[in-house]
C-alpha atoms as a PDB file:
ATOM      1  CA  MET A   1      25.765  15.539  10.696  1.00  0.00           C
ATOM      2  CA  LEU A   2      27.411  12.567  10.090  1.00  0.00           C
ATOM      3  CA  LYS A   3      24.713   9.963  11.554  1.00  0.00           C
ATOM      4  CA  VAL A   4      21.913  11.629   9.594  1.00  0.00           C
ATOM      5  CA  PHE A   5      24.849  11.127   6.507  1.00  0.00           C
ATOM      6  CA  LYS A   6      25.497   7.532   7.762  1.00  0.00           C
ATOM      7  CA  ASN A   7      21.359   7.157   8.040  1.00  0.00           C
ATOM      8  CA  THR A   8      21.125   8.338   4.120  1.00  0.00           C
ATOM      9  CA  ILE A   9      22.746   5.525   2.564  1.00  0.00           C
ATOM     10  CA  LEU A  10      21.938   2.596   4.869  1.00  0.00           C
ATOM     11  CA  PHE A  11      18.150   3.815   4.099  1.00  0.00           C
ATOM     12  CA  VAL A  12      19.220   3.564   0.044  1.00  0.00           C
ATOM     13  CA  LEU A  13      21.091   0.200   0.087  1.00  0.00           C
ATOM     14  CA  CYS A  14      17.706  -1.094   1.572  1.00  0.00           C
ATOM     15  CA  LEU A  15      16.288   0.174  -0.957  1.00  0.00           C
ATOM     16  CA  VAL A  16      18.116  -1.365  -3.529  1.00  0.00           C
ATOM     17  CA  VAL A  17      18.330  -4.370  -1.814  1.00  0.00           C
ATOM     18  CA  LEU A  18      14.648  -4.763  -1.374  1.00  0.00           C
ATOM     19  CA  SER A  19      14.084  -3.039  -4.660  1.00  0.00           C
ATOM     20  CA  GLY A  20      15.828  -6.072  -6.957  1.00  0.00           C
ATOM     21  CA  CYS A  21      17.898  -5.421  -9.392  1.00  0.00           C
ATOM     22  CA  PHE A  22      15.723  -3.695 -12.099  1.00  0.00           C
ATOM     23  CA  THR A  23      17.541  -1.459 -15.482  1.00  0.00           C
ATOM     24  CA  ARG A  24      16.534   0.287 -17.941  1.00  0.00           C
ATOM     25  CA  GLU A  25      19.211   1.475 -21.319  1.00  0.00           C
ATOM     26  CA  GLY A  26      17.975   3.275 -24.122  1.00  0.00           C
ATOM     27  CA  THR A  27      15.269   6.172 -25.260  1.00  0.00           C
ATOM     28  CA  ILE A  28      11.754   6.387 -24.518  1.00  0.00           C
ATOM     29  CA  VAL A  29       9.026   8.859 -26.097  1.00  0.00           C
ATOM     30  CA  GLY A  30       5.696   9.521 -24.373  1.00  0.00           C
ATOM     31  CA  GLY A  31       5.371   6.493 -21.670  1.00  0.00           C
ATOM     32  CA  LYS A  32       6.967   4.848 -18.949  1.00  0.00           C
ATOM     33  CA  VAL A  33       8.818   0.844 -18.231  1.00  0.00           C
ATOM     34  CA  HIS A  34       8.666  -0.658 -15.390  1.00  0.00           C
ATOM     35  CA  GLY A  35      10.032  -3.811 -13.428  1.00  0.00           C
ATOM     36  CA  ALA A  36       9.321  -6.174 -10.001  1.00  0.00           C
ATOM     37  CA  SER A  37       9.932  -8.574  -8.602  1.00  0.00           C
ATOM     38  CA  ASP A  38       7.448 -10.657 -10.961  1.00  0.00           C
ATOM     39  CA  SER A  39       6.673  -8.746 -13.762  1.00  0.00           C
ATOM     40  CA  ILE A  40       8.402  -5.730 -16.668  1.00  0.00           C
ATOM     41  CA  SER A  41       5.721  -4.069 -18.284  1.00  0.00           C
ATOM     42  CA  GLY A  42       6.121  -0.736 -20.373  1.00  0.00           C
ATOM     43  CA  LYS A  43       3.126   1.384 -22.467  1.00  0.00           C
ATOM     44  CA  TYR A  44       5.025   3.795 -24.271  1.00  0.00           C
ATOM     45  CA  LYS A  45       4.876   5.934 -28.294  1.00  0.00           C
ATOM     46  CA  LYS A  46       8.807   4.393 -29.243  1.00  0.00           C
ATOM     47  CA  ILE A  47      11.612   3.210 -26.879  1.00  0.00           C
ATOM     48  CA  THR A  48      14.614   1.519 -28.755  1.00  0.00           C
ATOM     49  CA  GLY A  49      16.486  -0.278 -25.891  1.00  0.00           C
ATOM     50  CA  SER A  50      16.684  -2.200 -23.114  1.00  0.00           C
ATOM     51  CA  ALA A  51      14.951  -3.533 -19.469  1.00  0.00           C
ATOM     52  CA  THR A  52      16.698  -6.508 -17.599  1.00  0.00           C
ATOM     53  CA  GLN A  53      14.857  -7.586 -13.954  1.00  0.00           C
ATOM     54  CA  ASP A  54      16.939  -9.923 -11.830  1.00  0.00           C
ATOM     55  CA  MET A  55      15.539 -13.044 -10.508  1.00  0.00           C
ATOM     56  CA  LYS A  56      17.146 -15.471  -8.139  1.00  0.00           C
ATOM     57  CA  VAL A  57      16.134 -19.065  -9.094  1.00  0.00           C
ATOM     58  CA  LYS A  58      16.523 -22.697  -6.566  1.00  0.00           C
ATOM     59  CA  LYS A  59      17.421 -25.803  -8.245  1.00  0.00           C
ATOM     60  CA  GLY A  60      14.465 -28.406  -9.167  1.00  0.00           C
ATOM     61  CA  GLU A  61      11.304 -25.082  -9.428  1.00  0.00           C
ATOM     62  CA  ASN A  62       9.464 -25.424 -11.768  1.00  0.00           C
ATOM     63  CA  TRP A  63       8.806 -20.754 -13.170  1.00  0.00           C
ATOM     64  CA  ILE A  64       6.015 -20.422 -15.437  1.00  0.00           C
ATOM     65  CA  PHE A  65       7.075 -17.088 -17.150  1.00  0.00           C
ATOM     66  CA  SER A  66       3.953 -15.181 -19.772  1.00  0.00           C
ATOM     67  CA  PHE A  67       4.733 -12.635 -22.500  1.00  0.00           C
ATOM     68  CA  ASP A  68       2.113 -10.168 -24.197  1.00  0.00           C
ATOM     69  CA  ASP A  69       2.334  -7.582 -26.299  1.00  0.00           C
ATOM     70  CA  LYS A  70       0.601  -5.196 -28.777  1.00  0.00           C
ATOM     71  CA  THR A  71       2.910  -3.899 -31.220  1.00  0.00           C
ATOM     72  CA  LYS A  72       2.437  -0.875 -33.275  1.00  0.00           C
ATOM     73  CA  GLN A  73       5.760  -0.566 -35.155  1.00  0.00           C
ATOM     74  CA  GLY A  74       9.015  -1.745 -35.129  1.00  0.00           C
ATOM     75  CA  THR A  75      11.001  -4.691 -33.200  1.00  0.00           C
ATOM     76  CA  ILE A  76      10.925  -6.283 -29.423  1.00  0.00           C
ATOM     77  CA  THR A  77      11.907  -9.265 -27.754  1.00  0.00           C
ATOM     78  CA  ALA A  78      11.762 -11.559 -24.720  1.00  0.00           C
ATOM     79  CA  TYR A  79      13.791 -14.035 -23.053  1.00  0.00           C
ATOM     80  CA  VAL A  80      15.235 -15.315 -19.883  1.00  0.00           C
ATOM     81  CA  VAL A  81      19.605 -15.983 -18.698  1.00  0.00           C
ATOM     82  CA  ASP A  82      21.259 -17.347 -17.132  1.00  0.00           C
ATOM     83  CA  SER A  83      24.116 -16.165 -14.601  1.00  0.00           C
ATOM     84  CA  ASN A  84      27.143 -17.114 -17.494  1.00  0.00           C
ATOM     85  CA  ASP A  85      24.566 -15.397 -20.529  1.00  0.00           C
ATOM     86  CA  ASN A  86      23.120 -18.789 -21.359  1.00  0.00           C
ATOM     87  CA  THR A  87      19.562 -18.222 -23.424  1.00  0.00           C
ATOM     88  CA  ILE A  88      17.338 -20.036 -21.161  1.00  0.00           C
ATOM     89  CA  LEU A  89      13.639 -19.101 -22.921  1.00  0.00           C
ATOM     90  CA  GLU A  90      12.474 -16.929 -25.488  1.00  0.00           C
ATOM     91  CA  PHE A  91       9.843 -14.631 -27.223  1.00  0.00           C
ATOM     92  CA  ASN A  92       9.181 -13.646 -29.575  1.00  0.00           C
ATOM     93  CA  SER A  93       6.334 -10.341 -30.693  1.00  0.00           C
ATOM     94  CA  GLY A  94       2.945 -11.857 -29.671  1.00  0.00           C
ATOM     95  CA  LYS A  95       1.277 -14.115 -26.703  1.00  0.00           C
ATOM     96  CA  GLY A  96       3.128 -16.747 -25.376  1.00  0.00           C
ATOM     97  CA  GLU A  97       3.305 -18.981 -22.224  1.00  0.00           C
ATOM     98  CA  ASN A  98       6.436 -21.452 -20.961  1.00  0.00           C
ATOM     99  CA  ASN A  99       7.781 -23.505 -18.143  1.00  0.00           C
ATOM    100  CA  ILE A 100      10.710 -24.002 -17.677  1.00  0.00           C
ATOM    101  CA  LYS A 101      12.077 -26.846 -14.830  1.00  0.00           C
ATOM    102  CA  VAL A 102      15.616 -25.194 -12.820  1.00  0.00           C
ATOM    103  CA  PRO A 103      19.115 -27.050 -13.141  1.00  0.00           C
ATOM    104  CA  LYS A 104      21.309 -25.204 -10.040  1.00  0.00           C
ATOM    105  CA  ASP A 105      20.664 -22.421  -7.834  1.00  0.00           C
ATOM    106  CA  ASP A 106      21.318 -19.282 -10.257  1.00  0.00           C
ATOM    107  CA  THR A 107      20.525 -15.871 -11.090  1.00  0.00           C
ATOM    108  CA  TYR A 108      18.824 -15.603 -13.854  1.00  0.00           C
ATOM    109  CA  LYS A 109      17.983 -11.912 -15.643  1.00  0.00           C
ATOM    110  CA  VAL A 110      14.604 -11.354 -17.668  1.00  0.00           C
ATOM    111  CA  LYS A 111      15.237  -8.821 -20.437  1.00  0.00           C
ATOM    112  CA  ILE A 112      13.366  -6.886 -22.727  1.00  0.00           C
ATOM    113  CA  LYS A 113      14.986  -5.521 -25.959  1.00  0.00           C
ATOM    114  CA  THR A 114      13.092  -2.744 -28.667  1.00  0.00           C
ATOM    115  CA  GLU A 115      14.386  -1.883 -31.736  1.00  0.00           C
ATOM    116  CA  GLU A 116      11.588   1.786 -32.630  1.00  0.00           C
ATOM    117  CA  HIS A 117       9.311  -0.097 -30.928  1.00  0.00           C
ATOM    118  CA  GLY A 118       5.761   1.232 -30.241  1.00  0.00           C
ATOM    119  CA  GLY A 119       2.820  -0.081 -28.010  1.00  0.00           C
ATOM    120  CA  GLU A 120       2.600  -1.511 -25.008  1.00  0.00           C
ATOM    121  CA  PHE A 121       4.387  -4.832 -23.390  1.00  0.00           C
ATOM    122  CA  GLN A 122       4.303  -7.144 -20.120  1.00  0.00           C
ATOM    123  CA  ILE A 123       6.456 -10.741 -19.436  1.00  0.00           C
ATOM    124  CA  SER A 124       5.565 -11.793 -15.862  1.00  0.00           C
ATOM    125  CA  TRP A 125       6.905 -14.862 -14.326  1.00  0.00           C
ATOM    126  CA  LYS A 126       5.938 -17.294 -10.481  1.00  0.00           C
ATOM    127  CA  LYS A 127       6.487 -19.886  -9.431  1.00  0.00           C
ATOM    128  CA  GLU A 128       4.764 -23.317 -10.062  1.00  0.00           C
ATOM    129  CA  LYS A 129       3.399 -24.096  -6.671  1.00  0.00           C
END
């Protein structure tokens, strides 16, 4: 019995480590928000809240961020912050793409904040080669 319990705990911890750290807070009606290692996306009738995905970055890397949303109502903002909560990049409603060069090894957070937002969005990122 103890062995099964230990294996279950180990399995859950592995899932958490491998999936990265995606969190969502707030209220969502009629849809979903998904987080992956390289994107956050959602489609819903209405959401008020936030979603956050961690990403590890290394000094000197160049990253490309793309944001697209289709807003029927409310507001949405996407942004990237460093481990000190300093805003590195920000997108408001619409479509856009921006590049950043990482000044030091860090863990960035890609965040989406919504207020009574209806529609859909996607923010994605990739390391430039």
